């Protein structure tokens, strides 16, 4: 009986050690996963910040192009009207 009790005690200790190691592995894996999630979240924030920066830049460029286009249209319209008036006055 005494040997059987010692055997059971060794099995219990072994099971507890195995369980403790499994818990530690799981905690380490969970911590690693948490750190990875934080890293991905930071990368996502950086990408979003970069995209916003690019968006602002391209909106500014678009506004400049639209302004230049409006100026060219105005000049072209004025030149056309001037030429039309000149032709009209020559051939009355």
Protein backbone atom coordinates (compact mmCIF):
# COMPACT_ATOMS: atom_id res chain seq x y z
CA UNK A 1 0.00 0.00 0.00
CA UNK A 2 2.80 2.34 0.85
CA UNK A 3 4.39 1.81 -2.57
CA UNK A 4 1.07 2.37 -4.26
CA UNK A 5 0.65 5.66 -2.33
CA UNK A 6 4.14 6.78 -3.35
CA UNK A 7 3.40 5.89 -6.97
CA UNK A 8 0.17 7.90 -6.88
CA UNK A 9 1.98 10.84 -5.30
CA UNK A 10 4.66 10.77 -8.04
CA UNK A 11 1.94 10.63 -10.71
CA UNK A 12 0.15 13.59 -9.09
CA UNK A 13 3.37 15.61 -8.94
CA UNK A 14 4.18 14.73 -12.55
CA UNK A 15 0.67 15.73 -13.66
CA UNK A 16 0.94 19.04 -11.79
CA UNK A 17 4.32 19.76 -13.39
CA UNK A 18 2.93 18.93 -16.82
CA UNK A 19 -0.08 21.16 -16.21
CA UNK A 20 2.15 23.99 -14.95
CA UNK A 21 4.34 23.77 -18.05
CA UNK A 22 1.27 23.77 -20.30
CA UNK A 23 -0.11 26.84 -18.52
CA UNK A 24 3.22 28.64 -18.86
CA UNK A 25 3.40 27.78 -22.57
CA UNK A 26 -0.15 29.04 -23.07
CA UNK A 27 0.62 32.28 -21.22
CA UNK A 28 3.73 32.80 -23.33
CA UNK A 29 1.76 32.14 -26.53
CA UNK A 30 -0.98 34.53 -25.39
CA UNK A 31 1.57 37.25 -24.60
CA UNK A 32 3.25 36.73 -27.96
CA UNK A 33 -0.12 37.00 -29.72
CA UNK A 34 -0.93 40.19 -27.78
CA UNK A 35 2.39 41.74 -28.78
CA UNK A 36 1.85 40.75 -32.41
CA UNK A 37 -1.62 42.34 -32.34
CA UNK A 38 -0.12 45.53 -30.91
CA UNK A 39 2.55 45.54 -33.61
CA UNK A 40 -0.08 45.10 -36.34
CA UNK A 41 -2.23 47.85 -34.81
CA UNK A 42 0.75 50.23 -34.85
CA UNK A 43 1.54 49.31 -38.46
CA UNK A 44 -2.10 49.95 -39.38
CA UNK A 45 -2.04 53.35 -37.66
CA UNK A 46 1.17 54.23 -39.51
CA UNK A 47 -0.37 53.20 -42.83
CA UNK A 48 -3.52 55.21 -42.13
CA UNK A 49 -1.42 58.25 -41.22
CA UNK A 50 0.57 57.84 -44.45
CA UNK A 51 -2.62 57.48 -46.50
CA UNK A 52 -4.08 60.63 -44.95
CA UNK A 53 -0.88 62.47 -45.75
CA UNK A 54 -1.02 61.28 -49.37
CA UNK A 55 -4.72 62.12 -49.57
CA UNK A 56 -4.05 65.69 -48.42
CA UNK A 57 -1.19 66.03 -50.90
CA UNK A 58 -3.27 64.80 -53.85
CA UNK A 59 -6.23 66.97 -52.88
CA UNK A 60 -3.89 69.96 -52.87
CA UNK A 61 -2.50 68.98 -56.27
CA UNK A 62 -6.02 68.51 -57.63
CA UNK A 63 -7.04 71.94 -56.35
CA UNK A 64 -3.98 73.48 -58.04
CA UNK A 65 -4.76 71.74 -61.32
CA UNK A 66 -8.39 72.83 -61.17
CA UNK A 67 -7.30 76.41 -60.52
CA UNK A 68 -4.86 76.33 -63.44
CA UNK A 69 -7.51 74.78 -65.66
CA UNK A 70 -9.97 77.52 -64.71
CA UNK A 71 -7.35 80.18 -65.48
CA UNK A 72 -6.56 78.60 -68.88
CA UNK A 73 -10.26 78.38 -69.64
CA UNK A 74 -10.74 82.04 -68.76
CA UNK A 75 -7.79 83.16 -70.89
CA UNK A 76 -8.86 80.96 -73.78
CA UNK A 77 -12.43 82.21 -73.59
CA UNK A 78 -11.24 85.82 -73.50
CA UNK A 79 -8.93 85.25 -76.47
CA UNK A 80 -11.71 83.51 -78.40
CA UNK A 81 -14.15 86.32 -77.67
CA UNK A 82 -11.56 88.93 -78.65
CA UNK A 83 -10.81 87.09 -81.93
CA UNK A 84 -14.53 86.66 -82.63
CA UNK A 85 -15.15 90.37 -82.03
CA UNK A 86 -12.19 91.26 -84.27
CA UNK A 87 -13.42 89.03 -87.08
CA UNK A 88 -16.95 90.35 -86.66
CA UNK A 89 -15.78 93.94 -86.85
CA UNK A 90 -13.67 93.27 -89.97
CA UNK A 91 -16.45 91.58 -91.92
CA UNK A 92 -19.48 93.75 -91.09
